[in-house]
C-alpha atoms as a PDB file:
ATOM      1  CA  UNK A   1       0.000   0.000   0.000  1.00  0.00           C
ATOM      2  CA  UNK A   2       1.454   3.379  -1.029  1.00  0.00           C
ATOM      3  CA  UNK A   3       1.104   6.481   1.164  1.00  0.00           C
ATOM      4  CA  UNK A   4       0.889   9.749  -0.755  1.00  0.00           C
ATOM      5  CA  UNK A   5       1.120  13.368   0.443  1.00  0.00           C
ATOM      6  CA  UNK A   6      -2.066  14.750   1.955  1.00  0.00           C
ATOM      7  CA  UNK A   7      -2.244  17.516  -0.650  1.00  0.00           C
ATOM      8  CA  UNK A   8      -3.305  15.073  -3.342  1.00  0.00           C
ATOM      9  CA  UNK A   9      -5.944  13.267  -1.313  1.00  0.00           C
ATOM     10  CA  UNK A  10      -8.739  15.771  -2.102  1.00  0.00           C
ATOM     11  CA  UNK A  11      -8.166  15.206  -5.819  1.00  0.00           C
ATOM     12  CA  UNK A  12      -8.669  11.475  -5.453  1.00  0.00           C
ATOM     13  CA  UNK A  13     -11.622  11.894  -3.161  1.00  0.00           C
ATOM     14  CA  UNK A  14     -13.190  14.310  -5.606  1.00  0.00           C
ATOM     15  CA  UNK A  15     -13.180  11.475  -8.127  1.00  0.00           C
ATOM     16  CA  UNK A  16     -15.428   9.556  -5.774  1.00  0.00           C
ATOM     17  CA  UNK A  17     -17.738  12.420  -4.852  1.00  0.00           C
ATOM     18  CA  UNK A  18     -18.989  13.608  -8.236  1.00  0.00           C
ATOM     19  CA  UNK A  19     -22.520  14.974  -7.735  1.00  0.00           C
ATOM     20  CA  UNK A  20     -23.639  12.876 -10.699  1.00  0.00           C
ATOM     21  CA  UNK A  21     -24.045   9.369  -9.336  1.00  0.00           C
ATOM     22  CA  UNK A  22     -21.841   6.754 -10.991  1.00  0.00           C
ATOM     23  CA  UNK A  23     -19.616   9.285 -12.799  1.00  0.00           C
ATOM     24  CA  UNK A  24     -15.868   9.123 -12.137  1.00  0.00           C
ATOM     25  CA  UNK A  25     -13.259  11.731 -12.995  1.00  0.00           C
ATOM     26  CA  UNK A  26     -10.186  11.016 -15.073  1.00  0.00           C
ATOM     27  CA  UNK A  27      -8.062  12.287 -17.902  1.00  0.00           C
ATOM     28  CA  UNK A  28      -6.528  11.218 -21.204  1.00  0.00           C
ATOM     29  CA  UNK A  29      -2.848  10.293 -21.378  1.00  0.00           C
ATOM     30  CA  UNK A  30      -0.574   9.504 -24.299  1.00  0.00           C
ATOM     31  CA  UNK A  31       2.305   7.042 -24.568  1.00  0.00           C
ATOM     32  CA  UNK A  32       4.720   8.726 -26.953  1.00  0.00           C
ATOM     33  CA  UNK A  33       6.978   7.028 -29.463  1.00  0.00           C
ATOM     34  CA  UNK A  34      10.310   8.854 -29.566  1.00  0.00           C
ATOM     35  CA  UNK A  35      12.035   8.141 -32.871  1.00  0.00           C
ATOM     36  CA  UNK A  36      15.847   8.221 -32.843  1.00  0.00           C
ATOM     37  CA  UNK A  37      18.785   6.987 -34.902  1.00  0.00           C
ATOM     38  CA  UNK A  38      21.291   4.589 -33.294  1.00  0.00           C
ATOM     39  CA  UNK A  39      24.034   6.350 -35.284  1.00  0.00           C
ATOM     40  CA  UNK A  40      25.178   9.892 -34.511  1.00  0.00           C
ATOM     41  CA  UNK A  41      25.308  12.625 -37.132  1.00  0.00           C
ATOM     42  CA  UNK A  42      24.224  16.109 -38.120  1.00  0.00           C
ATOM     43  CA  UNK A  43      20.540  16.556 -38.940  1.00  0.00           C
ATOM     44  CA  UNK A  44      20.372  17.025 -42.705  1.00  0.00           C
ATOM     45  CA  UNK A  45      16.610  17.100 -43.275  1.00  0.00           C
ATOM     46  CA  UNK A  46      13.565  17.287 -40.996  1.00  0.00           C
ATOM     47  CA  UNK A  47      10.534  16.187 -43.017  1.00  0.00           C
ATOM     48  CA  UNK A  48       7.815  16.908 -40.414  1.00  0.00           C
ATOM     49  CA  UNK A  49       6.818  19.625 -37.964  1.00  0.00           C
ATOM     50  CA  UNK A  50       4.956  19.650 -34.658  1.00  0.00           C
ATOM     51  CA  UNK A  51       1.243  19.042 -35.206  1.00  0.00           C
ATOM     52  CA  UNK A  52       1.649  17.069 -38.457  1.00  0.00           C
ATOM     53  CA  UNK A  53      -0.223  13.820 -38.894  1.00  0.00           C
ATOM     54  CA  UNK A  54       1.916  11.169 -40.546  1.00  0.00           C
ATOM     55  CA  UNK A  55       1.229   7.761 -42.054  1.00  0.00           C
ATOM     56  CA  UNK A  56       3.128   4.606 -41.167  1.00  0.00           C
ATOM     57  CA  UNK A  57       6.540   4.447 -42.888  1.00  0.00           C
ATOM     58  CA  UNK A  58       6.384   8.138 -43.843  1.00  0.00           C
ATOM     59  CA  UNK A  59       9.899   9.692 -43.743  1.00  0.00           C
ATOM     60  CA  UNK A  60      10.595  11.734 -40.616  1.00  0.00           C
ATOM     61  CA  UNK A  61      14.213  12.880 -40.786  1.00  0.00           C
ATOM     62  CA  UNK A  62      17.580  12.214 -42.428  1.00  0.00           C
ATOM     63  CA  UNK A  63      21.056  12.584 -40.921  1.00  0.00           C
ATOM     64  CA  UNK A  64      24.144  13.351 -43.024  1.00  0.00           C
ATOM     65  CA  UNK A  65      25.365  10.144 -44.713  1.00  0.00           C
ATOM     66  CA  UNK A  66      28.729  10.931 -46.318  1.00  0.00           C
ATOM     67  CA  UNK A  67      30.899   8.633 -44.184  1.00  0.00           C
ATOM     68  CA  UNK A  68      28.342   5.808 -44.101  1.00  0.00           C
ATOM     69  CA  UNK A  69      27.795   5.915 -47.875  1.00  0.00           C
ATOM     70  CA  UNK A  70      31.558   5.788 -48.499  1.00  0.00           C
ATOM     71  CA  UNK A  71      31.896   2.839 -46.111  1.00  0.00           C
ATOM     72  CA  UNK A  72      29.042   1.041 -47.894  1.00  0.00           C
ATOM     73  CA  UNK A  73      30.651   1.587 -51.315  1.00  0.00           C
ATOM     74  CA  UNK A  74      34.014   0.360 -50.022  1.00  0.00           C
ATOM     75  CA  UNK A  75      32.412  -2.787 -48.588  1.00  0.00           C
ATOM     76  CA  UNK A  76      30.612  -3.413 -51.888  1.00  0.00           C
ATOM     77  CA  UNK A  77      33.891  -3.109 -53.831  1.00  0.00           C
ATOM     78  CA  UNK A  78      35.624  -5.473 -51.395  1.00  0.00           C
ATOM     79  CA  UNK A  79      32.863  -8.024 -51.867  1.00  0.00           C
ATOM     80  CA  UNK A  80      33.196  -7.821 -55.650  1.00  0.00           C
ATOM     81  CA  UNK A  81      36.948  -8.400 -55.342  1.00  0.00           C
ATOM     82  CA  UNK A  82      36.609 -11.473 -53.133  1.00  0.00           C
ATOM     83  CA  UNK A  83      33.879 -12.935 -55.350  1.00  0.00           C
ATOM     84  CA  UNK A  84      36.075 -12.496 -58.426  1.00  0.00           C
ATOM     85  CA  UNK A  85      38.985 -14.203 -56.659  1.00  0.00           C
ATOM     86  CA  UNK A  86      36.745 -17.127 -55.717  1.00  0.00           C
ATOM     87  CA  UNK A  87      35.452 -17.537 -59.262  1.00  0.00           C
ATOM     88  CA  UNK A  88      39.025 -17.441 -60.547  1.00  0.00           C
ATOM     89  CA  UNK A  89      40.041 -20.248 -58.167  1.00  0.00           C
ATOM     90  CA  UNK A  90      37.110 -22.382 -59.325  1.00  0.00           C
ATOM     91  CA  UNK A  91      38.288 -22.140 -62.926  1.00  0.00           C
ATOM     92  CA  UNK A  92      41.409 -23.569 -64.529  1.00  0.00           C
ATOM     93  CA  UNK A  93      44.056 -21.427 -66.148  1.00  0.00           C
ATOM     94  CA  UNK A  94      43.158 -18.860 -68.754  1.00  0.00           C
ATOM     95  CA  UNK A  95      42.374 -20.182 -72.247  1.00  0.00           C
ATOM     96  CA  UNK A  96      45.506 -18.521 -73.625  1.00  0.00           C
ATOM     97  CA  UNK A  97      47.714 -20.358 -71.108  1.00  0.00           C
ATOM     98  CA  UNK A  98      46.064 -23.692 -71.926  1.00  0.00           C
ATOM     99  CA  UNK A  99      46.556 -23.026 -75.659  1.00  0.00           C
ATOM    100  CA  UNK A 100      50.277 -22.373 -75.074  1.00  0.00           C
ATOM    101  CA  UNK A 101      50.667 -25.686 -73.199  1.00  0.00           C
ATOM    102  CA  UNK A 102      48.819 -27.501 -75.990  1.00  0.00           C
ATOM    103  CA  UNK A 103      51.225 -26.016 -78.565  1.00  0.00           C
ATOM    104  CA  UNK A 104      54.223 -27.121 -76.510  1.00  0.00           C
ATOM    105  CA  UNK A 105      52.714 -30.585 -76.187  1.00  0.00           C
ATOM    106  CA  UNK A 106      52.183 -30.807 -79.947  1.00  0.00           C
ATOM    107  CA  UNK A 107      55.801 -29.761 -80.537  1.00  0.00           C
ATOM    108  CA  UNK A 108      57.007 -32.395 -78.057  1.00  0.00           C
ATOM    109  CA  UNK A 109      54.955 -35.069 -79.841  1.00  0.00           C
ATOM    110  CA  UNK A 110      56.525 -34.058 -83.130  1.00  0.00           C
ATOM    111  CA  UNK A 111      60.021 -34.234 -81.598  1.00  0.00           C
ATOM    112  CA  UNK A 112      59.202 -37.660 -80.200  1.00  0.00           C
ATOM    113  CA  UNK A 113      58.153 -38.862 -83.622  1.00  0.00           C
ATOM    114  CA  UNK A 114      61.493 -37.700 -85.072  1.00  0.00           C
ATOM    115  CA  UNK A 115      63.580 -39.256 -82.306  1.00  0.00           C
ATOM    116  CA  UNK A 116      61.591 -42.530 -82.483  1.00  0.00           C
ATOM    117  CA  UNK A 117      62.188 -42.762 -86.229  1.00  0.00           C
ATOM    118  CA  UNK A 118      65.871 -41.954 -85.767  1.00  0.00           C
ATOM    119  CA  UNK A 119      66.170 -44.652 -83.090  1.00  0.00           C
ATOM    120  CA  UNK A 120      64.614 -47.243 -85.391  1.00  0.00           C
ATOM    121  CA  UNK A 121      66.957 -46.267 -88.222  1.00  0.00           C
ATOM    122  CA  UNK A 122      70.048 -46.431 -86.008  1.00  0.00           C
ATOM    123  CA  UNK A 123      68.968 -49.872 -84.762  1.00  0.00           C
ATOM    124  CA  UNK A 124      68.920 -51.115 -88.380  1.00  0.00           C
ATOM    125  CA  UNK A 125      72.299 -49.553 -89.145  1.00  0.00           C
ATOM    126  CA  UNK A 126      73.873 -51.053 -86.037  1.00  0.00           C
ATOM    127  CA  UNK A 127      72.415 -54.445 -86.928  1.00  0.00           C
ATOM    128  CA  UNK A 128      74.041 -54.136 -90.383  1.00  0.00           C
ATOM    129  CA  UNK A 129      77.293 -52.957 -88.736  1.00  0.00           C
ATOM    130  CA  UNK A 130      77.280 -49.660 -90.598  1.00  0.00           C
ATOM    131  CA  UNK A 131      77.519 -47.494 -87.436  1.00  0.00           C
ATOM    132  CA  UNK A 132      78.926 -47.857 -83.981  1.00  0.00           C
ATOM    133  CA  UNK A 133      76.671 -49.007 -81.087  1.00  0.00           C
ATOM    134  CA  UNK A 134      77.488 -45.692 -79.430  1.00  0.00           C
ATOM    135  CA  UNK A 135      75.319 -43.919 -81.996  1.00  0.00           C
ATOM    136  CA  UNK A 136      72.459 -46.243 -81.051  1.00  0.00           C
ATOM    137  CA  UNK A 137      72.807 -45.270 -77.391  1.00  0.00           C
ATOM    138  CA  UNK A 138      72.602 -41.584 -78.282  1.00  0.00           C
ATOM    139  CA  UNK A 139      69.492 -42.140 -80.391  1.00  0.00           C
ATOM    140  CA  UNK A 140      67.835 -44.129 -77.590  1.00  0.00           C
ATOM    141  CA  UNK A 141      68.566 -41.375 -75.049  1.00  0.00           C
ATOM    142  CA  UNK A 142      67.049 -38.739 -77.338  1.00  0.00           C
ATOM    143  CA  UNK A 143      63.920 -40.842 -77.834  1.00  0.00           C
ATOM    144  CA  UNK A 144      63.461 -41.354 -74.054  1.00  0.00           C
ATOM    145  CA  UNK A 145      64.002 -37.626 -73.441  1.00  0.00           C
ATOM    146  CA  UNK A 146      61.337 -36.644 -75.975  1.00  0.00           C
ATOM    147  CA  UNK A 147      58.909 -39.242 -74.636  1.00  0.00           C
ATOM    148  CA  UNK A 148      59.314 -37.851 -71.084  1.00  0.00           C
ATOM    149  CA  UNK A 149      58.737 -34.329 -72.373  1.00  0.00           C
ATOM    150  CA  UNK A 150      55.465 -35.409 -74.009  1.00  0.00           C
ATOM    151  CA  UNK A 151      54.313 -37.001 -70.731  1.00  0.00           C
ATOM    152  CA  UNK A 152      55.280 -33.872 -68.763  1.00  0.00           C
ATOM    153  CA  UNK A 153      53.328 -31.506 -71.006  1.00  0.00           C
ATOM    154  CA  UNK A 154      50.308 -33.828 -71.025  1.00  0.00           C
ATOM    155  CA  UNK A 155      50.281 -33.690 -67.217  1.00  0.00           C
ATOM    156  CA  UNK A 156      50.624 -29.885 -67.259  1.00  0.00           C
ATOM    157  CA  UNK A 157      47.695 -29.631 -69.638  1.00  0.00           C
ATOM    158  CA  UNK A 158      45.578 -31.781 -67.341  1.00  0.00           C
ATOM    159  CA  UNK A 159      46.471 -29.694 -64.265  1.00  0.00           C
ATOM    160  CA  UNK A 160      45.785 -26.430 -66.113  1.00  0.00           C
ATOM    161  CA  UNK A 161      42.171 -27.488 -66.590  1.00  0.00           C
ATOM    162  CA  UNK A 162      41.654 -28.139 -62.871  1.00  0.00           C
ATOM    163  CA  UNK A 163      40.393 -25.629 -60.245  1.00  0.00           C
ATOM    164  CA  UNK A 164      42.475 -24.641 -57.224  1.00  0.00           C
ATOM    165  CA  UNK A 165      42.895 -26.909 -54.218  1.00  0.00           C
ATOM    166  CA  UNK A 166      39.880 -27.469 -51.960  1.00  0.00           C
ATOM    167  CA  UNK A 167      41.421 -25.639 -48.998  1.00  0.00           C
ATOM    168  CA  UNK A 168      42.176 -22.584 -51.162  1.00  0.00           C
ATOM    169  CA  UNK A 169      38.584 -22.486 -52.424  1.00  0.00           C
ATOM    170  CA  UNK A 170      37.260 -22.877 -48.858  1.00  0.00           C
ATOM    171  CA  UNK A 171      39.386 -19.962 -47.671  1.00  0.00           C
ATOM    172  CA  UNK A 172      38.153 -17.837 -50.580  1.00  0.00           C
ATOM    173  CA  UNK A 173      34.508 -18.718 -49.792  1.00  0.00           C
ATOM    174  CA  UNK A 174      35.028 -17.615 -46.193  1.00  0.00           C
ATOM    175  CA  UNK A 175      36.468 -14.331 -47.418  1.00  0.00           C
ATOM    176  CA  UNK A 176      33.369 -13.794 -49.562  1.00  0.00           C
ATOM    177  CA  UNK A 177      31.105 -14.533 -46.570  1.00  0.00           C
ATOM    178  CA  UNK A 178      33.019 -12.038 -44.407  1.00  0.00           C
ATOM    179  CA  UNK A 179      32.795  -9.412 -47.149  1.00  0.00           C
ATOM    180  CA  UNK A 180      29.023  -9.932 -47.372  1.00  0.00           C
ATOM    181  CA  UNK A 181      28.652  -9.412 -43.627  1.00  0.00           C
ATOM    182  CA  UNK A 182      30.764  -6.250 -43.792  1.00  0.00           C
ATOM    183  CA  UNK A 183      28.560  -4.935 -46.610  1.00  0.00           C
ATOM    184  CA  UNK A 184      25.390  -5.744 -44.650  1.00  0.00           C
ATOM    185  CA  UNK A 185      26.733  -3.894 -41.613  1.00  0.00           C
ATOM    186  CA  UNK A 186      27.721  -0.869 -43.695  1.00  0.00           C
ATOM    187  CA  UNK A 187      24.307  -0.850 -45.400  1.00  0.00           C
ATOM    188  CA  UNK A 188      22.547  -1.068 -42.019  1.00  0.00           C
ATOM    189  CA  UNK A 189      24.459   1.955 -40.692  1.00  0.00           C
ATOM    190  CA  UNK A 190      23.567   3.891 -43.829  1.00  0.00           C
ATOM    191  CA  UNK A 191      19.891   2.923 -43.528  1.00  0.00           C
ATOM    192  CA  UNK A 192      19.778   4.047 -39.893  1.00  0.00           C
ATOM    193  CA  UNK A 193      20.619   7.598 -40.957  1.00  0.00           C
ATOM    194  CA  UNK A 194      17.070   7.832 -42.383  1.00  0.00           C
ATOM    195  CA  UNK A 195      14.142   7.216 -40.042  1.00  0.00           C
ATOM    196  CA  UNK A 196      10.466   6.767 -40.894  1.00  0.00           C
ATOM    197  CA  UNK A 197       7.340   6.700 -38.756  1.00  0.00           C
ATOM    198  CA  UNK A 198       6.904   3.260 -37.139  1.00  0.00           C
ATOM    199  CA  UNK A 199       3.139   3.880 -37.008  1.00  0.00           C
ATOM    200  CA  UNK A 200       0.599   6.443 -38.121  1.00  0.00           C
ATOM    201  CA  UNK A 201       0.041   9.225 -35.629  1.00  0.00           C
ATOM    202  CA  UNK A 202       0.423  12.838 -34.578  1.00  0.00           C
ATOM    203  CA  UNK A 203       3.824  14.538 -34.439  1.00  0.00           C
ATOM    204  CA  UNK A 204       3.763  15.716 -30.829  1.00  0.00           C
ATOM    205  CA  UNK A 205       7.144  17.461 -30.915  1.00  0.00           C
ATOM    206  CA  UNK A 206      10.498  17.787 -32.689  1.00  0.00           C
ATOM    207  CA  UNK A 207      13.666  18.258 -30.655  1.00  0.00           C
ATOM    208  CA  UNK A 208      16.329  19.345 -33.200  1.00  0.00           C
ATOM    209  CA  UNK A 209      16.635  21.587 -36.229  1.00  0.00           C
ATOM    210  CA  UNK A 210      18.606  20.916 -39.462  1.00  0.00           C
ATOM    211  CA  UNK A 211      22.330  21.438 -38.996  1.00  0.00           C
ATOM    212  CA  UNK A 212      22.385  20.431 -35.332  1.00  0.00           C
ATOM    213  CA  UNK A 213      24.461  17.450 -34.189  1.00  0.00           C
ATOM    214  CA  UNK A 214      22.365  14.507 -33.015  1.00  0.00           C
ATOM    215  CA  UNK A 215      23.993  12.101 -30.514  1.00  0.00           C
ATOM    216  CA  UNK A 216      23.395   8.400 -31.108  1.00  0.00           C
ATOM    217  CA  UNK A 217      20.058   7.345 -29.661  1.00  0.00           C
ATOM    218  CA  UNK A 218      18.801  10.906 -29.057  1.00  0.00           C
ATOM    219  CA  UNK A 219      15.097  11.303 -30.025  1.00  0.00           C
ATOM    220  CA  UNK A 220      14.492  13.681 -32.921  1.00  0.00           C
ATOM    221  CA  UNK A 221      10.719  13.307 -33.329  1.00  0.00           C
ATOM    222  CA  UNK A 222       8.035  12.375 -30.792  1.00  0.00           C
ATOM    223  CA  UNK A 223       4.955  10.613 -32.205  1.00  0.00           C
ATOM    224  CA  UNK A 224       1.613   9.823 -30.620  1.00  0.00           C
ATOM    225  CA  UNK A 225      -0.164   6.976 -32.438  1.00  0.00           C
ATOM    226  CA  UNK A 226      -3.945   6.919 -31.742  1.00  0.00           C
ATOM    227  CA  UNK A 227      -3.706   3.444 -30.247  1.00  0.00           C
ATOM    228  CA  UNK A 228      -1.285   4.820 -27.642  1.00  0.00           C
ATOM    229  CA  UNK A 229      -3.922   7.085 -26.086  1.00  0.00           C
ATOM    230  CA  UNK A 230      -5.484   5.795 -22.885  1.00  0.00           C
ATOM    231  CA  UNK A 231      -7.877   6.958 -20.185  1.00  0.00           C
ATOM    232  CA  UNK A 232      -6.838   7.084 -16.533  1.00  0.00           C
ATOM    233  CA  UNK A 233      -9.485   7.391 -13.831  1.00  0.00           C
ATOM    234  CA  UNK A 234      -9.961   6.496 -10.176  1.00  0.00           C
ATOM    235  CA  UNK A 235     -12.468   3.996  -8.843  1.00  0.00           C
ATOM    236  CA  UNK A 236     -13.638   3.967  -5.211  1.00  0.00           C
ATOM    237  CA  UNK A 237     -12.906   0.785  -3.340  1.00  0.00           C
ATOM    238  CA  UNK A 238     -16.583  -0.281  -3.067  1.00  0.00           C
ATOM    239  CA  UNK A 239     -16.956  -0.223  -6.880  1.00  0.00           C
ATOM    240  CA  UNK A 240     -13.673  -1.952  -7.654  1.00  0.00           C
ATOM    241  CA  UNK A 241     -15.130  -5.449  -7.509  1.00  0.00           C
ATOM    242  CA  UNK A 242     -17.394  -4.690 -10.469  1.00  0.00           C
ATOM    243  CA  UNK A 243     -14.388  -4.053 -12.732  1.00  0.00           C
ATOM    244  CA  UNK A 244     -11.976  -6.443 -14.426  1.00  0.00           C
ATOM    245  CA  UNK A 245      -9.517  -6.204 -17.272  1.00  0.00           C
ATOM    246  CA  UNK A 246     -11.683  -6.294 -20.384  1.00  0.00           C
ATOM    247  CA  UNK A 247     -14.635  -4.485 -18.796  1.00  0.00           C
ATOM    248  CA  UNK A 248     -16.295  -1.785 -20.865  1.00  0.00           C
ATOM    249  CA  UNK A 249     -16.584   1.855 -19.804  1.00  0.00           C
ATOM    250  CA  UNK A 250     -17.756   5.075 -21.476  1.00  0.00           C
ATOM    251  CA  UNK A 251     -16.011   8.438 -21.347  1.00  0.00           C
ATOM    252  CA  UNK A 252     -17.322  11.898 -22.032  1.00  0.00           C
ATOM    253  CA  UNK A 253     -15.376  15.109 -22.492  1.00  0.00           C
ATOM    254  CA  UNK A 254     -16.130  18.684 -23.427  1.00  0.00           C
ATOM    255  CA  UNK A 255     -16.633  19.019 -27.155  1.00  0.00           C
ATOM    256  CA  UNK A 256     -16.109  15.302 -27.832  1.00  0.00           C
ATOM    257  CA  UNK A 257     -19.631  14.579 -29.028  1.00  0.00           C
ATOM    258  CA  UNK A 258     -20.968  11.088 -28.395  1.00  0.00           C
ATOM    259  CA  UNK A 259     -19.592   9.037 -25.487  1.00  0.00           C
ATOM    260  CA  UNK A 260     -16.302   7.307 -26.212  1.00  0.00           C
ATOM    261  CA  UNK A 261     -16.322   3.558 -25.463  1.00  0.00           C
ATOM    262  CA  UNK A 262     -13.141   2.031 -24.030  1.00  0.00           C
ATOM    263  CA  UNK A 263     -11.932  -1.255 -22.605  1.00  0.00           C
ATOM    264  CA  UNK A 264     -10.262  -1.574 -19.193  1.00  0.00           C
ATOM    265  CA  UNK A 265      -6.623  -2.611 -19.742  1.00  0.00           C
ATOM    266  CA  UNK A 266      -5.133  -2.182 -16.261  1.00  0.00           C
ATOM    267  CA  UNK A 267      -6.291  -2.047 -12.640  1.00  0.00           C
ATOM    268  CA  UNK A 268      -3.782  -0.954 -10.003  1.00  0.00           C
ATOM    269  CA  UNK A 269      -3.117  -3.730  -7.460  1.00  0.00           C
ATOM    270  CA  UNK A 270      -2.834  -1.152  -4.671  1.00  0.00           C
ATOM    271  CA  UNK A 271      -4.716   1.967  -3.670  1.00  0.00           C
ATOM    272  CA  UNK A 272      -3.393   4.971  -5.549  1.00  0.00           C
ATOM    273  CA  UNK A 273      -4.174   7.376  -2.676  1.00  0.00           C
ATOM    274  CA  UNK A 274      -4.556   6.311   0.932  1.00  0.00           C
ATOM    275  CA  UNK A 275      -5.572   8.695   3.738  1.00  0.00           C
ATOM    276  CA  UNK A 276      -3.554   8.141   6.935  1.00  0.00           C
ATOM    277  CA  UNK A 277      -6.380   6.528   8.911  1.00  0.00           C
ATOM    278  CA  UNK A 278      -6.988   3.039  10.227  1.00  0.00           C
ATOM    279  CA  UNK A 279      -8.882   0.854   7.791  1.00  0.00           C
ATOM    280  CA  UNK A 280     -12.229   0.925   9.497  1.00  0.00           C
ATOM    281  CA  UNK A 281     -15.451   0.205   7.640  1.00  0.00           C
ATOM    282  CA  UNK A 282     -16.143   3.952   7.407  1.00  0.00           C
ATOM    283  CA  UNK A 283     -12.723   4.895   5.969  1.00  0.00           C
ATOM    284  CA  UNK A 284     -12.725   2.042   3.490  1.00  0.00           C
ATOM    285  CA  UNK A 285     -14.908   4.022   1.099  1.00  0.00           C
ATOM    286  CA  UNK A 286     -12.265   6.727   0.802  1.00  0.00           C
ATOM    287  CA  UNK A 287      -9.770   4.402  -0.925  1.00  0.00           C
ATOM    288  CA  UNK A 288      -9.498   4.813  -4.706  1.00  0.00           C
ATOM    289  CA  UNK A 289      -7.686   2.684  -7.260  1.00  0.00           C
ATOM    290  CA  UNK A 290      -6.143   3.776 -10.530  1.00  0.00           C
ATOM    291  CA  UNK A 291      -7.722   2.166 -13.586  1.00  0.00           C
ATOM    292  CA  UNK A 292      -6.628   2.516 -17.209  1.00  0.00           C
ATOM    293  CA  UNK A 293      -8.811   1.920 -20.274  1.00  0.00           C
ATOM    294  CA  UNK A 294      -8.041   2.111 -23.972  1.00  0.00           C
ATOM    295  CA  UNK A 295     -10.473   3.401 -26.591  1.00  0.00           C
ATOM    296  CA  UNK A 296     -10.440   2.255 -30.194  1.00  0.00           C
ATOM    297  CA  UNK A 297      -7.949   4.103 -32.407  1.00  0.00           C
ATOM    298  CA  UNK A 298     -10.765   5.784 -34.343  1.00  0.00           C
ATOM    299  CA  UNK A 299     -12.322   7.146 -31.147  1.00  0.00           C
ATOM    300  CA  UNK A 300      -8.948   8.124 -29.654  1.00  0.00           C
ATOM    301  CA  UNK A 301      -8.530  10.854 -32.270  1.00  0.00           C
ATOM    302  CA  UNK A 302     -11.174  12.829 -30.370  1.00  0.00           C
ATOM    303  CA  UNK A 303      -9.009  12.933 -27.263  1.00  0.00           C
ATOM    304  CA  UNK A 304      -5.965  14.978 -26.305  1.00  0.00           C
ATOM    305  CA  UNK A 305      -3.368  14.122 -23.635  1.00  0.00           C
ATOM    306  CA  UNK A 306      -4.233  15.816 -20.355  1.00  0.00           C
ATOM    307  CA  UNK A 307      -7.857  16.386 -21.316  1.00  0.00           C
ATOM    308  CA  UNK A 308     -10.316  15.795 -18.402  1.00  0.00           C
ATOM    309  CA  UNK A 309     -12.957  13.110 -18.938  1.00  0.00           C
ATOM    310  CA  UNK A 310     -15.995  11.819 -17.072  1.00  0.00           C
ATOM    311  CA  UNK A 311     -16.155   8.031 -16.943  1.00  0.00           C
ATOM    312  CA  UNK A 312     -19.234   5.878 -16.568  1.00  0.00           C
ATOM    313  CA  UNK A 313     -18.734   2.233 -15.689  1.00  0.00           C
ATOM    314  CA  UNK A 314     -20.506  -0.327 -17.825  1.00  0.00           C
ATOM    315  CA  UNK A 315     -19.858   1.239 -21.241  1.00  0.00           C
ATOM    316  CA  UNK A 316     -22.315   2.329 -23.880  1.00  0.00           C
ATOM    317  CA  UNK A 317     -24.532   0.463 -26.247  1.00  0.00           C
ATOM    318  CA  UNK A 318     -24.671  -2.655 -24.120  1.00  0.00           C
END
């Protein structure tokens, strides 16, 4: 149970002593949405003014974006570089390099054909004793050399058509993933420099003017969506048992026209104001409890924060 200063007790008791039976006093209150950017910067453009009504996702303000835009462009270029490197590793050598190896291989095959023919001729001459066996050895060595060269270039041609090693490709893929995350972070920071209305509502206030420096997280615009308006009133203890969350009430205010229906959304668990007396049966009627109710968004547009209202329990049109 909370004890409040005596100076406020008459206000609460007045809520219970309205000359019109069953009418309770209260007021409208707004829960404001303060829109801010998580990134600091100078205010470049303020798209709304106090008193404007805005739609959901309507632009509210823009902070200067030079550094964030440059960082985004740099991250995008880095991503393009890493992606190109990955694609290059997945390919073999360039077509021109493969063509050069093919030409060398063809030349080696031709040399092998010459040395093979020379070896066969020298074998015949040695068999007929026209040349020394030493000449045959030289011809055989040349043929083996050319055959090895053909095998070497064939292997080079095969390797040139292959991609890079698996571990190199894996490392390149990780670099691409890191570059994508860096780009996403840079883009997010750039996007945060422009803020739009999270919901339709009334611009209650603006706190900065273009050219001023805005610290990170500092609200620039305060919005009041209709659904964030609520009624606060005080119910005497004897009437509290007739209320529950979800109960219907009706509110009237000066110049509001027809009664405004609302639904009880909160009932204080403790007395809002308590006179410093013992809880006898006679003093029990002086206890009041804070109750909050929310009207429909369409009806809330008829209310203004701080506006006094008269509340009737039970609602309208039941």
